[in-house]
Amino acid sequence: MNITPTEFDGLFIIKPSVFEDSRGYFFESFHQKKFEDSTGIQCEFVQDNQSRSVYGVIRGLHLQVPPMAQAKLVRVLKGEVLDVVVDLRKDQPTFGKSFSIHLSAENKQQLFIPRGFAHGIAVLSKEAEFFYKCDNYYSPENERGIIYNDASLNIDWKIEPEKRIISNKDQKNLTFSSFDFLF
């Protein structure tokens, strides 16, 4: 397992060691001790989530605020997504900046997202199955969102505007400038 830090404090790319032969492949998708030893982060996951979406779907930018904020470990089981995060931690030099990475079933990479980030995905393949672990339970009253197409964030979702599929709920998310930053 290769764990690579990004320029964002606490945000890590995880690439597993994959063992392949004529039968198929095997890899550890997560190893608590290796993760803690490499990152210095102690994180106990309590909830797993999975979604399936078709090409053009953009989900996000989602987050939960304290006391129910969540760290996530995300990966793709089928297909390919553009995974995007925005740092909402006011005390960080990366506050208000975004980070994106292509995650796919083929590359098997994962992204560890610490608390204090908004998160979204854009489906780039015909369909995608997306899986993520959370270190806190889902809490509807603590759920928030930032509009995916916020002009100040200027995120390139890699999907033409006329082909984007956005839920009604996500179309009503707040702009970055109107968001109440609690991190």
N, C-alpha and C. Protein backbone atom coordinates (compact mmCIF):
# COMPACT_ATOMS: atom_id res chain seq x y z
N MET A 1 0.85 -1.17 0.00
CA MET A 1 0.00 0.00 0.00
C MET A 1 0.90 1.24 0.00
N ASN A 2 0.71 2.10 -0.99
CA ASN A 2 1.49 3.33 -1.10
C ASN A 2 0.57 4.50 -0.76
N ILE A 3 0.90 5.24 0.28
CA ILE A 3 0.09 6.37 0.73
C ILE A 3 0.86 7.65 0.45
N THR A 4 0.27 8.51 -0.40
CA THR A 4 0.94 9.72 -0.85
C THR A 4 0.20 10.96 -0.34
N PRO A 5 0.89 11.85 0.37
CA PRO A 5 0.24 13.09 0.80
C PRO A 5 0.04 14.03 -0.38
N THR A 6 -0.93 14.90 -0.25
CA THR A 6 -1.17 15.96 -1.24
C THR A 6 -0.74 17.28 -0.61
N GLU A 7 -0.92 18.37 -1.32
CA GLU A 7 -0.58 19.69 -0.75
C GLU A 7 -1.59 20.10 0.33
N PHE A 8 -2.69 19.35 0.46
CA PHE A 8 -3.74 19.64 1.44
C PHE A 8 -3.47 18.80 2.69
N ASP A 9 -3.34 19.45 3.83
CA ASP A 9 -3.06 18.75 5.07
C ASP A 9 -4.13 17.69 5.35
N GLY A 10 -3.69 16.43 5.52
CA GLY A 10 -4.61 15.35 5.86
C GLY A 10 -5.27 14.66 4.69
N LEU A 11 -5.08 15.15 3.47
CA LEU A 11 -5.67 14.56 2.26
C LEU A 11 -4.63 13.65 1.62
N PHE A 12 -4.96 12.35 1.50
CA PHE A 12 -3.99 11.37 1.02
C PHE A 12 -4.54 10.54 -0.14
N ILE A 13 -3.68 10.23 -1.09
CA ILE A 13 -3.98 9.30 -2.17
C ILE A 13 -3.42 7.94 -1.75
N ILE A 14 -4.24 6.91 -1.86
CA ILE A 14 -3.84 5.57 -1.45
C ILE A 14 -3.88 4.66 -2.67
N LYS A 15 -2.74 4.08 -2.97
CA LYS A 15 -2.65 3.15 -4.09
C LYS A 15 -2.27 1.78 -3.52
N PRO A 16 -3.15 0.81 -3.67
CA PRO A 16 -2.86 -0.50 -3.09
C PRO A 16 -1.82 -1.28 -3.89
N SER A 17 -1.20 -2.23 -3.22
CA SER A 17 -0.34 -3.19 -3.89
C SER A 17 -1.26 -4.29 -4.42
N VAL A 18 -1.32 -4.44 -5.73
CA VAL A 18 -2.24 -5.39 -6.35
C VAL A 18 -1.45 -6.62 -6.79
N PHE A 19 -1.94 -7.78 -6.41
CA PHE A 19 -1.32 -9.05 -6.76
C PHE A 19 -2.23 -9.74 -7.78
N GLU A 20 -1.72 -9.88 -9.01
CA GLU A 20 -2.51 -10.45 -10.10
C GLU A 20 -1.89 -11.74 -10.61
N ASP A 21 -2.73 -12.65 -11.02
CA ASP A 21 -2.30 -13.84 -11.73
C ASP A 21 -3.45 -14.31 -12.62
N SER A 22 -3.36 -15.52 -13.15
CA SER A 22 -4.36 -16.00 -14.09
C SER A 22 -5.75 -16.13 -13.47
N ARG A 23 -5.83 -16.19 -12.15
CA ARG A 23 -7.12 -16.30 -11.46
C ARG A 23 -7.83 -14.96 -11.32
N GLY A 24 -7.07 -13.87 -11.33
CA GLY A 24 -7.63 -12.55 -11.09
C GLY A 24 -6.66 -11.70 -10.30
N TYR A 25 -7.16 -10.99 -9.29
CA TYR A 25 -6.29 -10.14 -8.48
C TYR A 25 -6.73 -10.15 -7.02
N PHE A 26 -5.85 -9.64 -6.16
CA PHE A 26 -6.12 -9.45 -4.75
C PHE A 26 -5.40 -8.20 -4.29
N PHE A 27 -6.04 -7.41 -3.42
CA PHE A 27 -5.35 -6.31 -2.75
C PHE A 27 -6.06 -5.98 -1.45
N GLU A 28 -5.29 -5.42 -0.51
CA GLU A 28 -5.87 -4.88 0.72
C GLU A 28 -6.40 -3.50 0.38
N SER A 29 -7.70 -3.30 0.56
CA SER A 29 -8.24 -1.98 0.27
C SER A 29 -8.03 -1.02 1.45
N PHE A 30 -7.87 -1.57 2.64
CA PHE A 30 -7.57 -0.72 3.79
C PHE A 30 -6.90 -1.57 4.87
N HIS A 31 -5.92 -0.98 5.54
CA HIS A 31 -5.22 -1.62 6.65
C HIS A 31 -5.00 -0.53 7.70
N GLN A 32 -5.73 -0.61 8.80
CA GLN A 32 -5.75 0.44 9.81
C GLN A 32 -4.34 0.80 10.30
N LYS A 33 -3.54 -0.17 10.67
CA LYS A 33 -2.21 0.11 11.22
C LYS A 33 -1.31 0.76 10.19
N LYS A 34 -1.30 0.25 8.96
CA LYS A 34 -0.47 0.85 7.91
C LYS A 34 -0.90 2.29 7.64
N PHE A 35 -2.21 2.52 7.65
CA PHE A 35 -2.73 3.88 7.42
C PHE A 35 -2.27 4.80 8.54
N GLU A 36 -2.45 4.39 9.78
CA GLU A 36 -2.05 5.22 10.91
C GLU A 36 -0.55 5.47 10.92
N ASP A 37 0.25 4.43 10.66
CA ASP A 37 1.71 4.58 10.65
C ASP A 37 2.18 5.53 9.56
N SER A 38 1.51 5.52 8.40
CA SER A 38 1.92 6.36 7.27
C SER A 38 1.42 7.80 7.38
N THR A 39 0.26 7.99 8.00
CA THR A 39 -0.36 9.31 7.99
C THR A 39 -0.35 10.01 9.35
N GLY A 40 -0.25 9.22 10.42
CA GLY A 40 -0.38 9.79 11.75
C GLY A 40 -1.82 10.06 12.14
N ILE A 41 -2.75 9.63 11.30
CA ILE A 41 -4.18 9.88 11.53
C ILE A 41 -4.82 8.63 12.10
N GLN A 42 -5.53 8.81 13.22
CA GLN A 42 -6.33 7.72 13.76
C GLN A 42 -7.77 7.96 13.35
N CYS A 43 -8.34 6.98 12.68
CA CYS A 43 -9.68 7.15 12.14
C CYS A 43 -10.41 5.81 12.26
N GLU A 44 -11.53 5.82 12.92
CA GLU A 44 -12.33 4.60 13.05
C GLU A 44 -13.57 4.74 12.18
N PHE A 45 -13.65 3.92 11.16
CA PHE A 45 -14.80 3.98 10.25
C PHE A 45 -16.00 3.26 10.86
N VAL A 46 -17.18 3.90 10.73
CA VAL A 46 -18.39 3.36 11.35
C VAL A 46 -19.52 3.12 10.36
N GLN A 47 -19.37 3.59 9.13
CA GLN A 47 -20.45 3.45 8.15
C GLN A 47 -19.86 3.33 6.76
N ASP A 48 -20.38 2.37 5.97
CA ASP A 48 -19.99 2.22 4.57
C ASP A 48 -21.18 2.59 3.70
N ASN A 49 -20.91 3.27 2.58
CA ASN A 49 -21.95 3.68 1.64
C ASN A 49 -21.54 3.30 0.23
N GLN A 50 -22.52 3.04 -0.61
CA GLN A 50 -22.25 2.70 -2.00
C GLN A 50 -23.34 3.32 -2.86
N SER A 51 -22.93 3.84 -4.02
CA SER A 51 -23.90 4.40 -4.97
C SER A 51 -23.56 3.92 -6.38
N ARG A 52 -24.56 3.91 -7.23
CA ARG A 52 -24.38 3.62 -8.64
C ARG A 52 -24.97 4.81 -9.39
N SER A 53 -24.24 5.29 -10.37
CA SER A 53 -24.69 6.44 -11.16
C SER A 53 -24.30 6.23 -12.61
N VAL A 54 -24.99 6.93 -13.49
CA VAL A 54 -24.72 6.84 -14.92
C VAL A 54 -23.87 8.04 -15.37
N TYR A 55 -23.35 7.95 -16.60
CA TYR A 55 -22.52 9.03 -17.15
C TYR A 55 -23.22 10.38 -17.01
N GLY A 56 -22.44 11.37 -16.61
CA GLY A 56 -22.93 12.75 -16.53
C GLY A 56 -23.44 13.15 -15.16
N VAL A 57 -23.66 12.19 -14.27
CA VAL A 57 -24.14 12.53 -12.93
C VAL A 57 -23.03 13.24 -12.17
N ILE A 58 -23.40 14.35 -11.56
CA ILE A 58 -22.52 15.05 -10.63
C ILE A 58 -23.22 15.04 -9.28
N ARG A 59 -22.55 14.51 -8.30
CA ARG A 59 -23.08 14.47 -6.93
C ARG A 59 -22.20 15.39 -6.09
N GLY A 60 -22.82 16.36 -5.43
CA GLY A 60 -22.04 17.22 -4.56
C GLY A 60 -22.24 18.69 -4.85
N LEU A 61 -21.56 19.41 -4.13
CA LEU A 61 -20.48 19.13 -3.18
C LEU A 61 -21.10 18.94 -1.78
N HIS A 62 -20.90 17.79 -1.18
CA HIS A 62 -21.56 17.41 0.07
C HIS A 62 -20.59 17.44 1.25
N LEU A 63 -21.16 17.64 2.44
CA LEU A 63 -20.41 17.55 3.68
C LEU A 63 -21.38 17.50 4.83
N GLN A 64 -20.85 17.15 5.98
CA GLN A 64 -21.58 17.27 7.24
C GLN A 64 -20.77 18.19 8.15
N VAL A 65 -21.47 19.03 8.88
CA VAL A 65 -20.80 19.98 9.78
C VAL A 65 -20.72 19.39 11.19
N PRO A 66 -19.81 19.94 12.03
CA PRO A 66 -19.70 19.48 13.41
C PRO A 66 -21.04 19.64 14.14
N PRO A 67 -21.34 18.75 15.02
CA PRO A 67 -20.49 17.71 15.59
C PRO A 67 -20.52 16.40 14.79
N MET A 68 -21.14 16.38 13.64
CA MET A 68 -21.27 15.15 12.86
C MET A 68 -20.42 15.16 11.59
N ALA A 69 -19.37 16.00 11.56
CA ALA A 69 -18.48 16.03 10.41
C ALA A 69 -17.93 14.63 10.14
N GLN A 70 -17.58 14.37 8.89
CA GLN A 70 -17.11 13.04 8.51
C GLN A 70 -15.79 13.10 7.75
N ALA A 71 -14.90 12.18 8.09
CA ALA A 71 -13.77 11.86 7.23
C ALA A 71 -14.24 10.70 6.36
N LYS A 72 -13.71 10.61 5.13
CA LYS A 72 -14.14 9.57 4.20
C LYS A 72 -12.94 8.92 3.53
N LEU A 73 -13.09 7.65 3.23
CA LEU A 73 -12.15 6.94 2.38
C LEU A 73 -12.97 6.46 1.19
N VAL A 74 -12.66 7.01 -0.01
CA VAL A 74 -13.50 6.79 -1.18
C VAL A 74 -12.76 6.00 -2.26
N ARG A 75 -13.54 5.20 -3.02
CA ARG A 75 -12.97 4.46 -4.15
C ARG A 75 -14.07 4.06 -5.11
N VAL A 76 -13.66 3.63 -6.29
CA VAL A 76 -14.59 3.22 -7.34
C VAL A 76 -14.50 1.71 -7.51
N LEU A 77 -15.65 1.05 -7.51
CA LEU A 77 -15.72 -0.39 -7.70
C LEU A 77 -15.93 -0.76 -9.16
N LYS A 78 -16.59 0.13 -9.90
CA LYS A 78 -16.87 -0.10 -11.33
C LYS A 78 -16.89 1.25 -12.03
N GLY A 79 -16.21 1.34 -13.18
CA GLY A 79 -16.23 2.58 -13.95
C GLY A 79 -15.17 3.57 -13.51
N GLU A 80 -15.46 4.86 -13.76
CA GLU A 80 -14.50 5.94 -13.49
C GLU A 80 -15.24 7.20 -13.08
N VAL A 81 -14.68 7.89 -12.10
CA VAL A 81 -15.22 9.18 -11.67
C VAL A 81 -14.11 10.20 -11.55
N LEU A 82 -14.50 11.45 -11.63
CA LEU A 82 -13.64 12.55 -11.22
C LEU A 82 -14.07 12.85 -9.78
N ASP A 83 -13.15 12.69 -8.86
CA ASP A 83 -13.43 12.94 -7.45
C ASP A 83 -12.90 14.32 -7.12
N VAL A 84 -13.73 15.15 -6.50
CA VAL A 84 -13.37 16.55 -6.23
C VAL A 84 -13.63 16.87 -4.76
N VAL A 85 -12.67 17.54 -4.14
CA VAL A 85 -12.86 18.04 -2.78
C VAL A 85 -12.51 19.52 -2.73
N VAL A 86 -13.14 20.21 -1.78
CA VAL A 86 -12.85 21.62 -1.53
C VAL A 86 -12.55 21.77 -0.05
N ASP A 87 -11.43 22.41 0.26
CA ASP A 87 -11.01 22.60 1.64
C ASP A 87 -11.81 23.75 2.27
N LEU A 88 -12.53 23.44 3.35
CA LEU A 88 -13.36 24.43 4.04
C LEU A 88 -12.79 24.81 5.41
N ARG A 89 -11.53 24.43 5.64
CA ARG A 89 -10.90 24.71 6.93
C ARG A 89 -10.22 26.07 6.85
N LYS A 90 -10.81 27.04 7.53
CA LYS A 90 -10.35 28.43 7.43
C LYS A 90 -8.90 28.62 7.88
N ASP A 91 -8.40 27.75 8.74
CA ASP A 91 -7.04 27.92 9.25
C ASP A 91 -5.97 27.29 8.36
N GLN A 92 -6.36 26.77 7.21
CA GLN A 92 -5.40 26.11 6.31
C GLN A 92 -5.04 27.01 5.13
N PRO A 93 -3.80 26.94 4.65
CA PRO A 93 -3.42 27.74 3.48
C PRO A 93 -4.16 27.30 2.21
N THR A 94 -4.75 26.10 2.24
CA THR A 94 -5.49 25.59 1.07
C THR A 94 -6.99 25.87 1.19
N PHE A 95 -7.40 26.69 2.16
CA PHE A 95 -8.81 27.05 2.32
C PHE A 95 -9.37 27.59 1.01
N GLY A 96 -10.51 27.05 0.59
CA GLY A 96 -11.18 27.52 -0.61
C GLY A 96 -10.62 26.95 -1.90
N LYS A 97 -9.58 26.13 -1.82
CA LYS A 97 -9.00 25.52 -3.01
C LYS A 97 -9.60 24.12 -3.21
N SER A 98 -9.60 23.70 -4.46
CA SER A 98 -10.12 22.36 -4.77
C SER A 98 -8.98 21.44 -5.21
N PHE A 99 -9.25 20.15 -5.08
CA PHE A 99 -8.34 19.09 -5.51
C PHE A 99 -9.19 18.07 -6.23
N SER A 100 -8.70 17.57 -7.37
CA SER A 100 -9.45 16.54 -8.08
C SER A 100 -8.51 15.42 -8.52
N ILE A 101 -9.10 14.23 -8.65
CA ILE A 101 -8.34 13.05 -9.03
C ILE A 101 -9.28 12.08 -9.75
N HIS A 102 -8.76 11.40 -10.76
CA HIS A 102 -9.52 10.35 -11.44
C HIS A 102 -9.39 9.07 -10.61
N LEU A 103 -10.51 8.55 -10.17
CA LEU A 103 -10.55 7.27 -9.49
C LEU A 103 -11.31 6.30 -10.38
N SER A 104 -10.80 5.08 -10.48
CA SER A 104 -11.47 4.10 -11.34
C SER A 104 -11.29 2.70 -10.78
N ALA A 105 -12.13 1.79 -11.26
CA ALA A 105 -11.97 0.38 -10.91
C ALA A 105 -10.63 -0.11 -11.43
N GLU A 106 -10.20 0.43 -12.54
CA GLU A 106 -8.94 0.00 -13.14
C GLU A 106 -7.72 0.44 -12.32
N ASN A 107 -7.67 1.71 -11.91
CA ASN A 107 -6.47 2.17 -11.19
C ASN A 107 -6.51 1.84 -9.69
N LYS A 108 -7.69 1.52 -9.18
CA LYS A 108 -7.87 1.07 -7.79
C LYS A 108 -7.38 2.07 -6.74
N GLN A 109 -7.13 3.30 -7.15
CA GLN A 109 -6.70 4.32 -6.19
C GLN A 109 -7.87 4.73 -5.30
N GLN A 110 -7.50 5.20 -4.11
CA GLN A 110 -8.48 5.70 -3.16
C GLN A 110 -8.04 7.09 -2.70
N LEU A 111 -8.99 7.81 -2.14
CA LEU A 111 -8.68 9.12 -1.59
C LEU A 111 -9.20 9.16 -0.16
N PHE A 112 -8.30 9.50 0.78
CA PHE A 112 -8.73 9.74 2.15
C PHE A 112 -9.00 11.22 2.29
N ILE A 113 -10.22 11.56 2.70
CA ILE A 113 -10.66 12.95 2.83
C ILE A 113 -10.91 13.25 4.30
N PRO A 114 -10.12 14.13 4.92
CA PRO A 114 -10.34 14.42 6.33
C PRO A 114 -11.59 15.28 6.54
N ARG A 115 -11.98 15.39 7.77
CA ARG A 115 -13.11 16.28 8.11
C ARG A 115 -12.75 17.70 7.68
N GLY A 116 -13.77 18.46 7.27
CA GLY A 116 -13.53 19.85 6.88
C GLY A 116 -13.45 20.06 5.39
N PHE A 117 -13.81 19.06 4.61
CA PHE A 117 -13.82 19.17 3.15
C PHE A 117 -15.23 18.93 2.62
N ALA A 118 -15.60 19.67 1.58
CA ALA A 118 -16.79 19.34 0.79
C ALA A 118 -16.33 18.35 -0.27
N HIS A 119 -17.22 17.43 -0.66
CA HIS A 119 -16.84 16.34 -1.55
C HIS A 119 -17.88 16.15 -2.64
N GLY A 120 -17.40 15.86 -3.85
CA GLY A 120 -18.30 15.56 -4.95
C GLY A 120 -17.65 14.65 -5.97
N ILE A 121 -18.49 14.06 -6.82
CA ILE A 121 -17.99 13.21 -7.90
C ILE A 121 -18.72 13.54 -9.19
N ALA A 122 -18.05 13.30 -10.30
CA ALA A 122 -18.65 13.36 -11.63
C ALA A 122 -18.38 12.01 -12.29
N VAL A 123 -19.42 11.38 -12.82
CA VAL A 123 -19.27 10.06 -13.44
C VAL A 123 -18.81 10.25 -14.88
N LEU A 124 -17.64 9.67 -15.19
CA LEU A 124 -17.03 9.83 -16.50
C LEU A 124 -17.18 8.60 -17.39
N SER A 125 -17.63 7.48 -16.84
CA SER A 125 -17.84 6.25 -17.60
C SER A 125 -19.34 6.04 -17.81
N LYS A 126 -19.69 5.04 -18.59
CA LYS A 126 -21.11 4.75 -18.86
C LYS A 126 -21.90 4.64 -17.57
N GLU A 127 -21.32 3.99 -16.58
CA GLU A 127 -21.87 3.97 -15.23
C GLU A 127 -20.72 3.75 -14.26
N ALA A 128 -20.97 4.05 -13.00
CA ALA A 128 -19.93 3.88 -11.98
C ALA A 128 -20.58 3.44 -10.68
N GLU A 129 -19.87 2.56 -9.98
CA GLU A 129 -20.24 2.20 -8.62
C GLU A 129 -19.18 2.79 -7.71
N PHE A 130 -19.63 3.59 -6.77
CA PHE A 130 -18.77 4.37 -5.90
C PHE A 130 -18.97 3.89 -4.47
N PHE A 131 -17.87 3.69 -3.75
CA PHE A 131 -17.93 3.15 -2.39
C PHE A 131 -17.13 4.06 -1.47
N TYR A 132 -17.68 4.31 -0.27
CA TYR A 132 -16.90 5.09 0.69
C TYR A 132 -17.22 4.73 2.13
N LYS A 133 -16.17 4.82 2.93
CA LYS A 133 -16.24 4.57 4.36
C LYS A 133 -16.27 5.94 5.05
N CYS A 134 -17.03 6.03 6.14
CA CYS A 134 -17.15 7.28 6.90
C CYS A 134 -16.80 7.02 8.36
N ASP A 135 -16.22 8.03 9.00
CA ASP A 135 -15.88 7.89 10.41
C ASP A 135 -16.94 8.47 11.33
N ASN A 136 -18.07 8.86 10.78
CA ASN A 136 -19.20 9.34 11.58
C ASN A 136 -20.48 8.96 10.83
N TYR A 137 -21.56 8.85 11.56
CA TYR A 137 -22.83 8.42 10.97
C TYR A 137 -23.50 9.55 10.18
N TYR A 138 -24.32 9.17 9.21
CA TYR A 138 -25.09 10.15 8.44
C TYR A 138 -26.05 10.88 9.37
N SER A 139 -26.11 12.18 9.23
CA SER A 139 -26.95 13.03 10.06
C SER A 139 -27.63 14.07 9.18
N PRO A 140 -28.89 13.86 8.81
CA PRO A 140 -29.58 14.80 7.91
C PRO A 140 -29.57 16.25 8.41
N GLU A 141 -29.67 16.45 9.71
CA GLU A 141 -29.70 17.83 10.24
C GLU A 141 -28.34 18.51 10.18
N ASN A 142 -27.27 17.74 9.99
CA ASN A 142 -25.93 18.31 9.87
C ASN A 142 -25.39 18.28 8.45
N GLU A 143 -26.22 17.85 7.53
CA GLU A 143 -25.83 17.78 6.12
C GLU A 143 -25.89 19.17 5.49
N ARG A 144 -24.89 19.48 4.68
CA ARG A 144 -24.82 20.75 3.96
C ARG A 144 -24.30 20.49 2.56
N GLY A 145 -24.40 21.51 1.72
CA GLY A 145 -23.87 21.39 0.37
C GLY A 145 -23.46 22.73 -0.19
N ILE A 146 -22.47 22.68 -1.07
CA ILE A 146 -22.04 23.86 -1.82
C ILE A 146 -22.32 23.56 -3.28
N ILE A 147 -22.86 24.52 -3.99
CA ILE A 147 -23.27 24.33 -5.38
C ILE A 147 -22.07 23.89 -6.24
N TYR A 148 -22.30 22.87 -7.03
CA TYR A 148 -21.22 22.26 -7.83
C TYR A 148 -20.58 23.22 -8.82
N ASN A 149 -21.35 24.19 -9.32
CA ASN A 149 -20.84 25.09 -10.36
C ASN A 149 -20.55 26.49 -9.83
N ASP A 150 -20.18 26.59 -8.58
CA ASP A 150 -19.86 27.88 -7.98
C ASP A 150 -18.75 28.56 -8.78
N ALA A 151 -19.00 29.79 -9.20
CA ALA A 151 -18.06 30.52 -10.06
C ALA A 151 -16.72 30.76 -9.37
N SER A 152 -16.72 31.00 -8.07
CA SER A 152 -15.46 31.28 -7.38
C SER A 152 -14.59 30.03 -7.24
N LEU A 153 -15.20 28.85 -7.24
CA LEU A 153 -14.43 27.61 -7.15
C LEU A 153 -13.92 27.17 -8.52
N ASN A 154 -14.69 27.49 -9.57
CA ASN A 154 -14.29 27.23 -10.95
C ASN A 154 -13.80 25.78 -11.18
N ILE A 155 -14.62 24.81 -10.75
CA ILE A 155 -14.25 23.40 -10.88
C ILE A 155 -14.59 22.91 -12.28
N ASP A 156 -13.63 22.27 -12.92
CA ASP A 156 -13.86 21.64 -14.22
C ASP A 156 -14.28 20.20 -13.95
N TRP A 157 -15.56 19.92 -14.13
CA TRP A 157 -16.11 18.59 -13.84
C TRP A 157 -15.88 17.60 -14.98
N LYS A 158 -15.29 18.03 -16.07
CA LYS A 158 -14.96 17.16 -17.22
C LYS A 158 -16.21 16.61 -17.92
N ILE A 159 -17.34 17.27 -17.74
CA ILE A 159 -18.59 16.89 -18.39
C ILE A 159 -19.20 18.15 -18.99
N GLU A 160 -19.56 18.07 -20.25
CA GLU A 160 -20.19 19.22 -20.91
C GLU A 160 -21.47 19.62 -20.17
N PRO A 161 -21.73 20.92 -20.01
CA PRO A 161 -22.90 21.37 -19.25
C PRO A 161 -24.23 20.74 -19.69
N GLU A 162 -24.42 20.55 -20.99
CA GLU A 162 -25.69 19.99 -21.46
C GLU A 162 -25.84 18.50 -21.15
N LYS A 163 -24.76 17.84 -20.74
CA LYS A 163 -24.80 16.40 -20.42
C LYS A 163 -24.77 16.14 -18.91
N ARG A 164 -24.76 17.19 -18.12
CA ARG A 164 -24.71 17.04 -16.67
C ARG A 164 -26.08 16.64 -16.11
N ILE A 165 -26.06 15.72 -15.18
CA ILE A 165 -27.28 15.29 -14.49
C ILE A 165 -27.09 15.63 -13.01
N ILE A 166 -27.91 16.58 -12.53
CA ILE A 166 -27.77 17.08 -11.16
C ILE A 166 -29.11 16.90 -10.45
N SER A 167 -29.08 16.39 -9.24
CA SER A 167 -30.33 16.22 -8.47
C SER A 167 -30.92 17.60 -8.14
N ASN A 168 -32.24 17.62 -7.90
CA ASN A 168 -32.89 18.87 -7.48
C ASN A 168 -32.27 19.38 -6.19
N LYS A 169 -31.97 18.47 -5.28
CA LYS A 169 -31.38 18.85 -4.00
C LYS A 169 -30.02 19.54 -4.22
N ASP A 170 -29.17 18.97 -5.08
CA ASP A 170 -27.85 19.55 -5.31
C ASP A 170 -27.91 20.87 -6.08
N GLN A 171 -28.96 21.08 -6.85
CA GLN A 171 -29.11 22.35 -7.57
C GLN A 171 -29.45 23.49 -6.62
N LYS A 172 -29.86 23.16 -5.40
CA LYS A 172 -30.24 24.18 -4.41
C LYS A 172 -29.16 24.43 -3.37
N ASN A 173 -27.99 23.83 -3.55
CA ASN A 173 -26.90 24.02 -2.58
C ASN A 173 -26.45 25.48 -2.55
N LEU A 174 -25.80 25.85 -1.47
CA LEU A 174 -25.32 27.22 -1.26
C LEU A 174 -24.11 27.54 -2.12
N THR A 175 -23.89 28.83 -2.35
CA THR A 175 -22.64 29.25 -2.99
C THR A 175 -21.54 29.22 -1.93
N PHE A 176 -20.31 29.15 -2.40
CA PHE A 176 -19.17 29.12 -1.49
C PHE A 176 -19.16 30.37 -0.61
N SER A 177 -19.42 31.53 -1.18
CA SER A 177 -19.34 32.78 -0.41
C SER A 177 -20.45 32.90 0.64
N SER A 178 -21.56 32.18 0.47
CA SER A 178 -22.65 32.26 1.44
C SER A 178 -22.61 31.12 2.46
N PHE A 179 -21.62 30.25 2.35
CA PHE A 179 -21.52 29.10 3.24
C PHE A 179 -21.00 29.55 4.60
N ASP A 180 -21.56 28.99 5.67
CA ASP A 180 -21.14 29.28 7.04
C ASP A 180 -20.05 28.28 7.42
N PHE A 181 -18.81 28.70 7.40
CA PHE A 181 -17.68 27.79 7.63
C PHE A 181 -17.53 27.50 9.11
N LEU A 182 -17.72 26.23 9.45
CA LEU A 182 -17.68 25.80 10.85
C LEU A 182 -16.44 24.98 11.17
N PHE A 183 -15.47 25.01 10.28
CA PHE A 183 -14.27 24.21 10.50
C PHE A 183 -13.09 25.12 10.82
